[in-house]
């Protein structure tokens, strides 16, 4: 007697093969989502740090906002639900130079950071 259709063994093998291929595709999708999230953080954090540096560059050398110390603030950029922590340290190198170091990290996790450094010179006016 000749039956048309699939046997149980054939169905099990095809199901296992499909499951194996789907698990590989799922892992690839998860890895790409993590990479996308990290890239979005890098872009947003770099933009925030650059805008903060531009703000400092617009200030005169003797401005009180450029006095020596460590500061921080929390910021949310755009429509992102993630809150970024912006920390900056201003140091006097000498009476004519200042150094500003800005670090941006996720508020809940300080593992990944973006850091930028700006040197101010009174004689060069930047």
PDB file of N, CA and C in Angstrom:
ATOM      1  N   UNK A   1       0.839  -1.156   0.000  1.00  0.00           N
ATOM      2  CA  UNK A   1       0.000   0.000   0.000  1.00  0.00           C
ATOM      3  C   UNK A   1       0.898   1.237   0.000  1.00  0.00           C
ATOM      4  N   UNK A   2       0.614   2.130  -0.909  1.00  0.00           N
ATOM      5  CA  UNK A   2       1.436   3.314  -1.086  1.00  0.00           C
ATOM      6  C   UNK A   2       0.654   4.526  -0.579  1.00  0.00           C
ATOM      7  N   UNK A   3       1.171   5.152   0.487  1.00  0.00           N
ATOM      8  CA  UNK A   3       0.511   6.332   1.066  1.00  0.00           C
ATOM      9  C   UNK A   3       1.266   7.584   0.636  1.00  0.00           C
ATOM     10  N   UNK A   4       0.516   8.604   0.321  1.00  0.00           N
ATOM     11  CA  UNK A   4       1.184   9.869   0.044  1.00  0.00           C
ATOM     12  C   UNK A   4       1.163  10.693   1.327  1.00  0.00           C
ATOM     13  N   UNK A   5       2.229  11.489   1.552  1.00  0.00           N
ATOM     14  CA  UNK A   5       2.327  12.284   2.761  1.00  0.00           C
ATOM     15  C   UNK A   5       3.687  12.100   3.399  1.00  0.00           C
ATOM     16  N   UNK A   6       3.819  12.664   4.605  1.00  0.00           N
ATOM     17  CA  UNK A   6       5.086  12.614   5.312  1.00  0.00           C
ATOM     18  C   UNK A   6       4.974  11.673   6.503  1.00  0.00           C
ATOM     19  N   UNK A   7       6.073  11.018   6.789  1.00  0.00           N
ATOM     20  CA  UNK A   7       6.099  10.157   7.971  1.00  0.00           C
ATOM     21  C   UNK A   7       6.485  10.978   9.195  1.00  0.00           C
ATOM     22  N   UNK A   8       6.334  10.401  10.345  1.00  0.00           N
ATOM     23  CA  UNK A   8       6.672  11.081  11.599  1.00  0.00           C
ATOM     24  C   UNK A   8       8.158  11.423  11.653  1.00  0.00           C
ATOM     25  N   UNK A   9       9.013  10.549  11.186  1.00  0.00           N
ATOM     26  CA  UNK A   9      10.466  10.790  11.190  1.00  0.00           C
ATOM     27  C   UNK A   9      10.797  11.986  10.292  1.00  0.00           C
ATOM     28  N   UNK A  10      10.198  12.039   9.126  1.00  0.00           N
ATOM     29  CA  UNK A  10      10.447  13.161   8.226  1.00  0.00           C
ATOM     30  C   UNK A  10      10.011  14.480   8.851  1.00  0.00           C
ATOM     31  N   UNK A  11       8.859  14.467   9.510  1.00  0.00           N
ATOM     32  CA  UNK A  11       8.352  15.678  10.175  1.00  0.00           C
ATOM     33  C   UNK A  11       9.271  16.116  11.312  1.00  0.00           C
ATOM     34  N   UNK A  12       9.768  15.160  12.103  1.00  0.00           N
ATOM     35  CA  UNK A  12      10.684  15.494  13.195  1.00  0.00           C
ATOM     36  C   UNK A  12      11.988  16.078  12.672  1.00  0.00           C
ATOM     37  N   UNK A  13      12.517  15.495  11.613  1.00  0.00           N
ATOM     38  CA  UNK A  13      13.772  15.997  11.049  1.00  0.00           C
ATOM     39  C   UNK A  13      13.574  17.391  10.464  1.00  0.00           C
ATOM     40  N   UNK A  14      12.512  17.600   9.741  1.00  0.00           N
ATOM     41  CA  UNK A  14      12.273  18.928   9.159  1.00  0.00           C
ATOM     42  C   UNK A  14      11.999  19.968  10.249  1.00  0.00           C
ATOM     43  N   UNK A  15      11.297  19.589  11.293  1.00  0.00           N
ATOM     44  CA  UNK A  15      11.045  20.514  12.408  1.00  0.00           C
ATOM     45  C   UNK A  15      12.340  20.873  13.119  1.00  0.00           C
ATOM     46  N   UNK A  16      13.210  19.909  13.332  1.00  0.00           N
ATOM     47  CA  UNK A  16      14.493  20.166  13.982  1.00  0.00           C
ATOM     48  C   UNK A  16      15.360  21.074  13.121  1.00  0.00           C
ATOM     49  N   UNK A  17      15.353  20.854  11.836  1.00  0.00           N
ATOM     50  CA  UNK A  17      16.138  21.688  10.922  1.00  0.00           C
ATOM     51  C   UNK A  17      15.617  23.127  10.920  1.00  0.00           C
ATOM     52  N   UNK A  18      14.318  23.292  10.865  1.00  0.00           N
ATOM     53  CA  UNK A  18      13.723  24.631  10.891  1.00  0.00           C
ATOM     54  C   UNK A  18      14.030  25.321  12.220  1.00  0.00           C
ATOM     55  N   UNK A  19      13.924  24.601  13.328  1.00  0.00           N
ATOM     56  CA  UNK A  19      14.230  25.158  14.641  1.00  0.00           C
ATOM     57  C   UNK A  19      15.692  25.587  14.736  1.00  0.00           C
ATOM     58  N   UNK A  20      16.585  24.781  14.192  1.00  0.00           N
ATOM     59  CA  UNK A  20      18.015  25.105  14.201  1.00  0.00           C
ATOM     60  C   UNK A  20      18.278  26.386  13.404  1.00  0.00           C
ATOM     61  N   UNK A  21      17.672  26.521  12.238  1.00  0.00           N
ATOM     62  CA  UNK A  21      17.863  27.715  11.417  1.00  0.00           C
ATOM     63  C   UNK A  21      17.250  28.950  12.063  1.00  0.00           C
ATOM     64  N   UNK A  22      16.096  28.806  12.678  1.00  0.00           N
ATOM     65  CA  UNK A  22      15.456  29.934  13.347  1.00  0.00           C
ATOM     66  C   UNK A  22      16.248  30.404  14.568  1.00  0.00           C
ATOM     67  N   UNK A  23      16.843  29.485  15.298  1.00  0.00           N
ATOM     68  CA  UNK A  23      17.623  29.893  16.472  1.00  0.00           C
ATOM     69  C   UNK A  23      18.852  30.690  16.052  1.00  0.00           C
ATOM     70  N   UNK A  24      19.472  30.318  14.945  1.00  0.00           N
ATOM     71  CA  UNK A  24      20.610  31.093  14.437  1.00  0.00           C
ATOM     72  C   UNK A  24      20.187  32.481  13.998  1.00  0.00           C
ATOM     73  N   UNK A  25      19.064  32.568  13.312  1.00  0.00           N
ATOM     74  CA  UNK A  25      18.559  33.868  12.866  1.00  0.00           C
ATOM     75  C   UNK A  25      18.164  34.742  14.060  1.00  0.00           C
ATOM     76  N   UNK A  26      17.591  34.134  15.087  1.00  0.00           N
ATOM     77  CA  UNK A  26      17.205  34.882  16.285  1.00  0.00           C
ATOM     78  C   UNK A  26      18.424  35.457  16.987  1.00  0.00           C
ATOM     79  N   UNK A  27      19.469  34.679  17.092  1.00  0.00           N
ATOM     80  CA  UNK A  27      20.688  35.173  17.737  1.00  0.00           C
ATOM     81  C   UNK A  27      21.296  36.311  16.926  1.00  0.00           C
ATOM     82  N   UNK A  28      21.269  36.211  15.615  1.00  0.00           N
ATOM     83  CA  UNK A  28      21.767  37.276  14.756  1.00  0.00           C
ATOM     84  C   UNK A  28      20.959  38.556  14.934  1.00  0.00           C
ATOM     85  N   UNK A  29      19.657  38.434  15.032  1.00  0.00           N
ATOM     86  CA  UNK A  29      18.796  39.603  15.240  1.00  0.00           C
ATOM     87  C   UNK A  29      19.070  40.235  16.605  1.00  0.00           C
ATOM     88  N   UNK A  30      19.225  39.417  17.633  1.00  0.00           N
ATOM     89  CA  UNK A  30      19.497  39.948  18.976  1.00  0.00           C
ATOM     90  C   UNK A  30      20.841  40.681  19.010  1.00  0.00           C
ATOM     91  N   UNK A  31      21.845  40.130  18.367  1.00  0.00           N
ATOM     92  CA  UNK A  31      23.155  40.775  18.323  1.00  0.00           C
ATOM     93  C   UNK A  31      23.079  42.103  17.587  1.00  0.00           C
ATOM     94  N   UNK A  32      22.334  42.150  16.498  1.00  0.00           N
ATOM     95  CA  UNK A  32      22.209  43.402  15.753  1.00  0.00           C
ATOM     96  C   UNK A  32      21.424  44.449  16.545  1.00  0.00           C
ATOM     97  N   UNK A  33      20.444  44.039  17.332  1.00  0.00           N
ATOM     98  CA  UNK A  33      19.704  44.995  18.170  1.00  0.00           C
ATOM     99  C   UNK A  33      20.589  45.594  19.257  1.00  0.00           C
ATOM    100  N   UNK A  34      21.454  44.773  19.852  1.00  0.00           N
ATOM    101  CA  UNK A  34      22.393  45.281  20.858  1.00  0.00           C
ATOM    102  C   UNK A  34      23.369  46.264  20.221  1.00  0.00           C
ATOM    103  N   UNK A  35      23.872  45.936  19.042  1.00  0.00           N
ATOM    104  CA  UNK A  35      24.789  46.830  18.333  1.00  0.00           C
ATOM    105  C   UNK A  35      24.103  48.145  17.978  1.00  0.00           C
ATOM    106  N   UNK A  36      22.853  48.068  17.571  1.00  0.00           N
ATOM    107  CA  UNK A  36      22.080  49.281  17.243  1.00  0.00           C
ATOM    108  C   UNK A  36      21.899  50.151  18.479  1.00  0.00           C
ATOM    109  N   UNK A  37      21.580  49.531  19.598  1.00  0.00           N
ATOM    110  CA  UNK A  37      21.388  50.287  20.844  1.00  0.00           C
ATOM    111  C   UNK A  37      22.680  50.971  21.272  1.00  0.00           C
ATOM    112  N   UNK A  38      23.804  50.265  21.155  1.00  0.00           N
ATOM    113  CA  UNK A  38      25.089  50.862  21.513  1.00  0.00           C
ATOM    114  C   UNK A  38      25.451  52.012  20.570  1.00  0.00           C
ATOM    115  N   UNK A  39      25.165  51.846  19.287  1.00  0.00           N
ATOM    116  CA  UNK A  39      25.450  52.913  18.325  1.00  0.00           C
ATOM    117  C   UNK A  39      24.581  54.146  18.591  1.00  0.00           C
ATOM    118  N   UNK A  40      23.328  53.929  18.939  1.00  0.00           N
ATOM    119  CA  UNK A  40      22.457  55.059  19.278  1.00  0.00           C
ATOM    120  C   UNK A  40      22.969  55.786  20.518  1.00  0.00           C
ATOM    121  N   UNK A  41      23.444  55.031  21.506  1.00  0.00           N
ATOM    122  CA  UNK A  41      24.007  55.654  22.708  1.00  0.00           C
ATOM    123  C   UNK A  41      25.235  56.476  22.351  1.00  0.00           C
ATOM    124  N   UNK A  42      26.140  55.911  21.550  1.00  0.00           N
ATOM    125  CA  UNK A  42      27.354  56.631  21.168  1.00  0.00           C
ATOM    126  C   UNK A  42      27.009  57.923  20.436  1.00  0.00           C
ATOM    127  N   UNK A  43      26.051  57.879  19.529  1.00  0.00           N
ATOM    128  CA  UNK A  43      25.648  59.055  18.772  1.00  0.00           C
ATOM    129  C   UNK A  43      25.017  60.101  19.684  1.00  0.00           C
ATOM    130  N   UNK A  44      24.104  59.685  20.532  1.00  0.00           N
ATOM    131  CA  UNK A  44      23.432  60.618  21.431  1.00  0.00           C
ATOM    132  C   UNK A  44      24.406  61.213  22.445  1.00  0.00           C
ATOM    133  N   UNK A  45      25.274  60.376  23.010  1.00  0.00           N
ATOM    134  CA  UNK A  45      26.231  60.856  23.999  1.00  0.00           C
ATOM    135  C   UNK A  45      27.249  61.803  23.365  1.00  0.00           C
ATOM    136  N   UNK A  46      27.702  61.495  22.178  1.00  0.00           N
ATOM    137  CA  UNK A  46      28.648  62.389  21.490  1.00  0.00           C
ATOM    138  C   UNK A  46      27.997  63.731  21.185  1.00  0.00           C
ATOM    139  N   UNK A  47      26.744  63.699  20.772  1.00  0.00           N
ATOM    140  CA  UNK A  47      26.023  64.938  20.493  1.00  0.00           C
ATOM    141  C   UNK A  47      25.860  65.780  21.755  1.00  0.00           C
ATOM    142  N   UNK A  48      25.514  65.142  22.860  1.00  0.00           N
ATOM    143  CA  UNK A  48      25.360  65.851  24.133  1.00  0.00           C
ATOM    144  C   UNK A  48      26.688  66.446  24.590  1.00  0.00           C
ATOM    145  N   UNK A  49      27.757  65.668  24.509  1.00  0.00           N
ATOM    146  CA  UNK A  49      29.074  66.159  24.930  1.00  0.00           C
ATOM    147  C   UNK A  49      29.546  67.301  24.033  1.00  0.00           C
ATOM    148  N   UNK A  50      29.317  67.187  22.736  1.00  0.00           N
ATOM    149  CA  UNK A  50      29.727  68.253  21.815  1.00  0.00           C
ATOM    150  C   UNK A  50      28.954  69.541  22.078  1.00  0.00           C
ATOM    151  N   UNK A  51      27.663  69.427  22.371  1.00  0.00           N
ATOM    152  CA  UNK A  51      26.888  70.640  22.661  1.00  0.00           C
ATOM    153  C   UNK A  51      27.345  71.280  23.971  1.00  0.00           C
ATOM    154  N   UNK A  52      27.714  70.452  24.931  1.00  0.00           N
ATOM    155  CA  UNK A  52      28.225  70.993  26.208  1.00  0.00           C
ATOM    156  C   UNK A  52      29.562  71.703  25.982  1.00  0.00           C
ATOM    157  N   UNK A  53      30.431  71.111  25.165  1.00  0.00           N
ATOM    158  CA  UNK A  53      31.709  71.755  24.857  1.00  0.00           C
ATOM    159  C   UNK A  53      31.497  73.057  24.095  1.00  0.00           C
ATOM    160  N   UNK A  54      30.544  73.084  23.175  1.00  0.00           N
ATOM    161  CA  UNK A  54      30.248  74.322  22.448  1.00  0.00           C
ATOM    162  C   UNK A  54      29.747  75.405  23.406  1.00  0.00           C
ATOM    163  N   UNK A  55      28.963  75.007  24.393  1.00  0.00           N
ATOM    164  CA  UNK A  55      28.504  75.964  25.398  1.00  0.00           C
ATOM    165  C   UNK A  55      29.688  76.543  26.156  1.00  0.00           C
ATOM    166  N   UNK A  56      30.612  75.687  26.580  1.00  0.00           N
ATOM    167  CA  UNK A  56      31.788  76.167  27.303  1.00  0.00           C
ATOM    168  C   UNK A  56      32.663  77.059  26.422  1.00  0.00           C
ATOM    169  N   UNK A  57      32.768  76.725  25.143  1.00  0.00           N
ATOM    170  CA  UNK A  57      33.572  77.540  24.233  1.00  0.00           C
ATOM    171  C   UNK A  57      32.986  78.935  24.052  1.00  0.00           C
ATOM    172  N   UNK A  58      31.675  79.066  24.208  1.00  0.00           N
ATOM    173  CA  UNK A  58      31.038  80.366  24.016  1.00  0.00           C
ATOM    174  C   UNK A  58      31.212  81.290  25.228  1.00  0.00           C
ATOM    175  N   UNK A  59      31.675  80.753  26.337  1.00  0.00           N
ATOM    176  CA  UNK A  59      31.837  81.553  27.553  1.00  0.00           C
ATOM    177  C   UNK A  59      33.187  82.258  27.569  1.00  0.00           C
ATOM    178  N   UNK A  60      33.240  83.438  28.189  1.00  0.00           N
ATOM    179  CA  UNK A  60      34.553  84.076  28.371  1.00  0.00           C
ATOM    180  C   UNK A  60      35.412  83.272  29.354  1.00  0.00           C
ATOM    181  N   UNK A  61      36.706  83.445  29.268  1.00  0.00           N
ATOM    182  CA  UNK A  61      37.646  82.661  30.067  1.00  0.00           C
ATOM    183  C   UNK A  61      37.400  82.824  31.575  1.00  0.00           C
ATOM    184  N   UNK A  62      36.980  84.004  32.016  1.00  0.00           N
ATOM    185  CA  UNK A  62      36.802  84.279  33.456  1.00  0.00           C
ATOM    186  C   UNK A  62      35.388  83.977  33.942  1.00  0.00           C
ATOM    187  N   UNK A  63      34.546  83.406  33.119  1.00  0.00           N
ATOM    188  CA  UNK A  63      33.153  83.153  33.493  1.00  0.00           C
ATOM    189  C   UNK A  63      33.079  82.209  34.700  1.00  0.00           C
ATOM    190  N   UNK A  64      32.149  82.463  35.655  1.00  0.00           N
ATOM    191  CA  UNK A  64      32.006  81.586  36.826  1.00  0.00           C
ATOM    192  C   UNK A  64      31.642  80.142  36.480  1.00  0.00           C
ATOM    193  N   UNK A  65      31.032  79.916  35.324  1.00  0.00           N
ATOM    194  CA  UNK A  65      30.687  78.545  34.917  1.00  0.00           C
ATOM    195  C   UNK A  65      31.929  77.734  34.590  1.00  0.00           C
ATOM    196  N   UNK A  66      33.071  78.411  34.404  1.00  0.00           N
ATOM    197  CA  UNK A  66      34.325  77.727  34.099  1.00  0.00           C
ATOM    198  C   UNK A  66      35.269  77.661  35.301  1.00  0.00           C
ATOM    199  N   UNK A  67      34.701  77.811  36.502  1.00  0.00           N
ATOM    200  CA  UNK A  67      35.584  77.729  37.666  1.00  0.00           C
ATOM    201  C   UNK A  67      35.920  76.273  37.974  1.00  0.00           C
ATOM    202  N   UNK A  68      37.024  76.062  38.621  1.00  0.00           N
ATOM    203  CA  UNK A  68      37.548  74.731  38.919  1.00  0.00           C
ATOM    204  C   UNK A  68      36.549  73.937  39.753  1.00  0.00           C
ATOM    205  N   UNK A  69      36.376  72.650  39.389  1.00  0.00           N
ATOM    206  CA  UNK A  69      35.493  71.782  40.157  1.00  0.00           C
ATOM    207  C   UNK A  69      34.939  70.646  39.328  1.00  0.00           C
ATOM    208  N   UNK A  70      34.119  69.828  39.985  1.00  0.00           N
ATOM    209  CA  UNK A  70      33.451  68.705  39.325  1.00  0.00           C
ATOM    210  C   UNK A  70      31.949  68.934  39.382  1.00  0.00           C
ATOM    211  N   UNK A  71      31.290  68.699  38.246  1.00  0.00           N
ATOM    212  CA  UNK A  71      29.873  68.971  38.125  1.00  0.00           C
ATOM    213  C   UNK A  71      29.195  67.796  37.417  1.00  0.00           C
ATOM    214  N   UNK A  72      27.886  67.703  37.568  1.00  0.00           N
ATOM    215  CA  UNK A  72      27.133  66.669  36.852  1.00  0.00           C
ATOM    216  C   UNK A  72      25.685  67.105  36.694  1.00  0.00           C
ATOM    217  N   UNK A  73      25.046  66.532  35.672  1.00  0.00           N
ATOM    218  CA  UNK A  73      23.625  66.756  35.449  1.00  0.00           C
ATOM    219  C   UNK A  73      23.074  65.578  34.660  1.00  0.00           C
ATOM    220  N   UNK A  74      21.792  65.356  34.802  1.00  0.00           N
ATOM    221  CA  UNK A  74      21.119  64.307  34.034  1.00  0.00           C
ATOM    222  C   UNK A  74      20.405  64.960  32.868  1.00  0.00           C
ATOM    223  N   UNK A  75      20.418  64.274  31.724  1.00  0.00           N
ATOM    224  CA  UNK A  75      19.803  64.843  30.524  1.00  0.00           C
ATOM    225  C   UNK A  75      19.096  63.756  29.732  1.00  0.00           C
ATOM    226  N   UNK A  76      18.012  64.147  29.095  1.00  0.00           N
ATOM    227  CA  UNK A  76      17.301  63.258  28.169  1.00  0.00           C
ATOM    228  C   UNK A  76      17.296  63.977  26.821  1.00  0.00           C
ATOM    229  N   UNK A  77      17.823  63.312  25.822  1.00  0.00           N
ATOM    230  CA  UNK A  77      17.966  63.925  24.506  1.00  0.00           C
ATOM    231  C   UNK A  77      16.878  63.398  23.574  1.00  0.00           C
ATOM    232  N   UNK A  78      16.195  64.295  22.895  1.00  0.00           N
ATOM    233  CA  UNK A  78      15.195  63.904  21.902  1.00  0.00           C
ATOM    234  C   UNK A  78      14.046  63.129  22.524  1.00  0.00           C
ATOM    235  N   UNK A  79      13.586  62.123  21.797  1.00  0.00           N
ATOM    236  CA  UNK A  79      12.463  61.319  22.246  1.00  0.00           C
ATOM    237  C   UNK A  79      12.913  60.063  22.989  1.00  0.00           C
ATOM    238  N   UNK A  80      14.171  59.983  23.301  1.00  0.00           N
ATOM    239  CA  UNK A  80      14.716  58.810  23.969  1.00  0.00           C
ATOM    240  C   UNK A  80      14.161  58.699  25.384  1.00  0.00           C
ATOM    241  N   UNK A  81      13.888  57.486  25.800  1.00  0.00           N
ATOM    242  CA  UNK A  81      13.422  57.256  27.165  1.00  0.00           C
ATOM    243  C   UNK A  81      14.598  57.132  28.129  1.00  0.00           C
ATOM    244  N   UNK A  82      15.796  57.006  27.567  1.00  0.00           N
ATOM    245  CA  UNK A  82      16.985  56.789  28.375  1.00  0.00           C
ATOM    246  C   UNK A  82      17.533  58.114  28.898  1.00  0.00           C
ATOM    247  N   UNK A  83      17.893  58.126  30.165  1.00  0.00           N
ATOM    248  CA  UNK A  83      18.473  59.317  30.780  1.00  0.00           C
ATOM    249  C   UNK A  83      19.987  59.149  30.812  1.00  0.00           C
ATOM    250  N   UNK A  84      20.683  60.170  30.320  1.00  0.00           N
ATOM    251  CA  UNK A  84      22.145  60.146  30.293  1.00  0.00           C
ATOM    252  C   UNK A  84      22.686  61.024  31.403  1.00  0.00           C
ATOM    253  N   UNK A  85      23.774  60.587  32.008  1.00  0.00           N
ATOM    254  CA  UNK A  85      24.440  61.345  33.059  1.00  0.00           C
ATOM    255  C   UNK A  85      25.637  62.052  32.451  1.00  0.00           C
ATOM    256  N   UNK A  86      25.648  63.356  32.551  1.00  0.00           N
ATOM    257  CA  UNK A  86      26.731  64.177  32.018  1.00  0.00           C
ATOM    258  C   UNK A  86      27.568  64.680  33.193  1.00  0.00           C
ATOM    259  N   UNK A  87      28.829  64.278  33.227  1.00  0.00           N
ATOM    260  CA  UNK A  87      29.742  64.713  34.284  1.00  0.00           C
ATOM    261  C   UNK A  87      30.887  65.480  33.641  1.00  0.00           C
ATOM    262  N   UNK A  88      31.266  66.594  34.225  1.00  0.00           N
ATOM    263  CA  UNK A  88      32.402  67.319  33.692  1.00  0.00           C
ATOM    264  C   UNK A  88      33.275  67.825  34.836  1.00  0.00           C
ATOM    265  N   UNK A  89      34.554  67.872  34.526  1.00  0.00           N
ATOM    266  CA  UNK A  89      35.550  68.328  35.497  1.00  0.00           C
ATOM    267  C   UNK A  89      36.343  69.446  34.848  1.00  0.00           C
ATOM    268  N   UNK A  90      36.440  70.558  35.551  1.00  0.00           N
ATOM    269  CA  UNK A  90      37.199  71.704  35.059  1.00  0.00           C
ATOM    270  C   UNK A  90      38.424  71.852  35.960  1.00  0.00           C
ATOM    271  N   UNK A  91      39.589  71.885  35.338  1.00  0.00           N
ATOM    272  CA  UNK A  91      40.846  72.007  36.084  1.00  0.00           C
ATOM    273  C   UNK A  91      41.639  73.192  35.529  1.00  0.00           C
ATOM    274  N   UNK A  92      42.288  73.914  36.412  1.00  0.00           N
ATOM    275  CA  UNK A  92      43.179  74.997  36.002  1.00  0.00           C
ATOM    276  C   UNK A  92      44.566  74.414  35.787  1.00  0.00           C
ATOM    277  N   UNK A  93      45.046  74.482  34.549  1.00  0.00           N
ATOM    278  CA  UNK A  93      46.399  74.001  34.263  1.00  0.00           C
ATOM    279  C   UNK A  93      47.403  75.042  34.734  1.00  0.00           C
ATOM    280  N   UNK A  94      47.163  76.260  34.383  1.00  0.00           N
ATOM    281  CA  UNK A  94      47.895  77.401  34.928  1.00  0.00           C
ATOM    282  C   UNK A  94      46.968  78.606  34.840  1.00  0.00           C
ATOM    283  N   UNK A  95      47.490  79.820  35.062  1.00  0.00           N
ATOM    284  CA  UNK A  95      46.602  80.994  35.077  1.00  0.00           C
ATOM    285  C   UNK A  95      46.060  81.345  33.692  1.00  0.00           C
ATOM    286  N   UNK A  96      46.629  80.761  32.630  1.00  0.00           N
ATOM    287  CA  UNK A  96      46.171  81.069  31.274  1.00  0.00           C
ATOM    288  C   UNK A  96      45.494  79.896  30.585  1.00  0.00           C
ATOM    289  N   UNK A  97      45.451  78.718  31.216  1.00  0.00           N
ATOM    290  CA  UNK A  97      44.857  77.545  30.571  1.00  0.00           C
ATOM    291  C   UNK A  97      43.939  76.785  31.525  1.00  0.00           C
ATOM    292  N   UNK A  98      42.862  76.264  30.949  1.00  0.00           N
ATOM    293  CA  UNK A  98      41.923  75.412  31.679  1.00  0.00           C
ATOM    294  C   UNK A  98      41.677  74.158  30.861  1.00  0.00           C
ATOM    295  N   UNK A  99      41.365  73.087  31.562  1.00  0.00           N
ATOM    296  CA  UNK A  99      41.071  71.813  30.914  1.00  0.00           C
ATOM    297  C   UNK A  99      39.682  71.370  31.347  1.00  0.00           C
ATOM    298  N   UNK A 100      38.831  71.046  30.353  1.00  0.00           N
ATOM    299  CA  UNK A 100      37.481  70.564  30.632  1.00  0.00           C
ATOM    300  C   UNK A 100      37.379  69.137  30.105  1.00  0.00           C
ATOM    301  N   UNK A 101      37.025  68.200  30.983  1.00  0.00           N
ATOM    302  CA  UNK A 101      36.827  66.803  30.602  1.00  0.00           C
ATOM    303  C   UNK A 101      35.353  66.482  30.824  1.00  0.00           C
ATOM    304  N   UNK A 102      34.678  66.063  29.746  1.00  0.00           N
ATOM    305  CA  UNK A 102      33.255  65.731  29.824  1.00  0.00           C
ATOM    306  C   UNK A 102      33.099  64.243  29.598  1.00  0.00           C
ATOM    307  N   UNK A 103      32.358  63.584  30.493  1.00  0.00           N
ATOM    308  CA  UNK A 103      32.064  62.161  30.365  1.00  0.00           C
ATOM    309  C   UNK A 103      30.551  61.973  30.369  1.00  0.00           C
ATOM    310  N   UNK A 104      30.082  61.210  29.399  1.00  0.00           N
ATOM    311  CA  UNK A 104      28.654  60.909  29.288  1.00  0.00           C
ATOM    312  C   UNK A 104      28.477  59.406  29.462  1.00  0.00           C
ATOM    313  N   UNK A 105      27.550  59.015  30.323  1.00  0.00           N
ATOM    314  CA  UNK A 105      27.270  57.591  30.520  1.00  0.00           C
ATOM    315  C   UNK A 105      25.773  57.421  30.720  1.00  0.00           C
ATOM    316  N   UNK A 106      25.338  56.174  30.640  1.00  0.00           N
ATOM    317  CA  UNK A 106      23.940  55.888  30.954  1.00  0.00           C
ATOM    318  C   UNK A 106      23.753  56.068  32.456  1.00  0.00           C
ATOM    319  N   UNK A 107      22.607  56.569  32.849  1.00  0.00           N
ATOM    320  CA  UNK A 107      22.394  56.836  34.270  1.00  0.00           C
ATOM    321  C   UNK A 107      22.364  55.539  35.078  1.00  0.00           C
ATOM    322  N   UNK A 108      21.772  54.496  34.531  1.00  0.00           N
ATOM    323  CA  UNK A 108      21.651  53.247  35.281  1.00  0.00           C
ATOM    324  C   UNK A 108      22.908  52.396  35.203  1.00  0.00           C
ATOM    325  N   UNK A 109      23.734  52.611  34.186  1.00  0.00           N
ATOM    326  CA  UNK A 109      24.917  51.785  33.992  1.00  0.00           C
ATOM    327  C   UNK A 109      26.083  52.680  33.594  1.00  0.00           C
ATOM    328  N   UNK A 110      27.168  52.594  34.312  1.00  0.00           N
ATOM    329  CA  UNK A 110      28.324  53.427  34.006  1.00  0.00           C
ATOM    330  C   UNK A 110      29.402  52.645  33.262  1.00  0.00           C
ATOM    331  N   UNK A 111      29.040  51.534  32.633  1.00  0.00           N
ATOM    332  CA  UNK A 111      30.035  50.720  31.938  1.00  0.00           C
ATOM    333  C   UNK A 111      30.551  51.425  30.686  1.00  0.00           C
ATOM    334  N   UNK A 112      29.672  51.897  29.838  1.00  0.00           N
ATOM    335  CA  UNK A 112      30.086  52.537  28.594  1.00  0.00           C
ATOM    336  C   UNK A 112      30.032  54.039  28.787  1.00  0.00           C
ATOM    337  N   UNK A 113      31.100  54.698  28.362  1.00  0.00           N
ATOM    338  CA  UNK A 113      31.172  56.142  28.496  1.00  0.00           C
ATOM    339  C   UNK A 113      31.709  56.759  27.212  1.00  0.00           C
ATOM    340  N   UNK A 114      31.315  58.001  26.990  1.00  0.00           N
ATOM    341  CA  UNK A 114      31.898  58.825  25.948  1.00  0.00           C
ATOM    342  C   UNK A 114      32.597  59.965  26.662  1.00  0.00           C
ATOM    343  N   UNK A 115      33.843  60.230  26.313  1.00  0.00           N
ATOM    344  CA  UNK A 115      34.602  61.285  26.983  1.00  0.00           C
ATOM    345  C   UNK A 115      35.225  62.208  25.938  1.00  0.00           C
ATOM    346  N   UNK A 116      35.135  63.504  26.202  1.00  0.00           N
ATOM    347  CA  UNK A 116      35.752  64.517  25.353  1.00  0.00           C
ATOM    348  C   UNK A 116      36.540  65.468  26.236  1.00  0.00           C
ATOM    349  N   UNK A 117      37.622  66.006  25.685  1.00  0.00           N
ATOM    350  CA  UNK A 117      38.478  66.931  26.428  1.00  0.00           C
ATOM    351  C   UNK A 117      38.610  68.214  25.624  1.00  0.00           C
ATOM    352  N   UNK A 118      38.546  69.348  26.318  1.00  0.00           N
ATOM    353  CA  UNK A 118      38.717  70.655  25.695  1.00  0.00           C
ATOM    354  C   UNK A 118      39.698  71.464  26.525  1.00  0.00           C
ATOM    355  N   UNK A 119      40.653  72.086  25.860  1.00  0.00           N
ATOM    356  CA  UNK A 119      41.605  72.965  26.529  1.00  0.00           C
ATOM    357  C   UNK A 119      41.281  74.403  26.153  1.00  0.00           C
ATOM    358  N   UNK A 120      41.176  75.287  27.167  1.00  0.00           N
ATOM    359  CA  UNK A 120      40.950  76.689  26.958  1.00  0.00           C
ATOM    360  C   UNK A 120      42.251  77.449  27.189  1.00  0.00           C
ATOM    361  N   UNK A 121      42.536  78.374  26.303  1.00  0.00           N
ATOM    362  CA  UNK A 121      43.721  79.202  26.463  1.00  0.00           C
ATOM    363  C   UNK A 121      43.285  80.666  26.421  1.00  0.00           C
ATOM    364  N   UNK A 122      43.622  81.411  27.454  1.00  0.00           N
ATOM    365  CA  UNK A 122      43.236  82.821  27.517  1.00  0.00           C
ATOM    366  C   UNK A 122      43.874  83.613  26.389  1.00  0.00           C
ATOM    367  N   UNK A 123      45.138  83.336  26.077  1.00  0.00           N
ATOM    368  CA  UNK A 123      45.850  84.089  25.046  1.00  0.00           C
ATOM    369  C   UNK A 123      45.266  83.846  23.663  1.00  0.00           C
ATOM    370  N   UNK A 124      44.810  82.624  23.387  1.00  0.00           N
ATOM    371  CA  UNK A 124      44.248  82.295  22.086  1.00  0.00           C
ATOM    372  C   UNK A 124      42.744  82.555  22.021  1.00  0.00           C
ATOM    373  N   UNK A 125      42.133  82.812  23.157  1.00  0.00           N
ATOM    374  CA  UNK A 125      40.699  83.089  23.300  1.00  0.00           C
ATOM    375  C   UNK A 125      39.806  81.951  22.845  1.00  0.00           C
ATOM    376  N   UNK A 126      40.229  80.722  23.088  1.00  0.00           N
ATOM    377  CA  UNK A 126      39.375  79.552  22.885  1.00  0.00           C
ATOM    378  C   UNK A 126      39.888  78.412  23.725  1.00  0.00           C
TER     379      UNK A 126
END
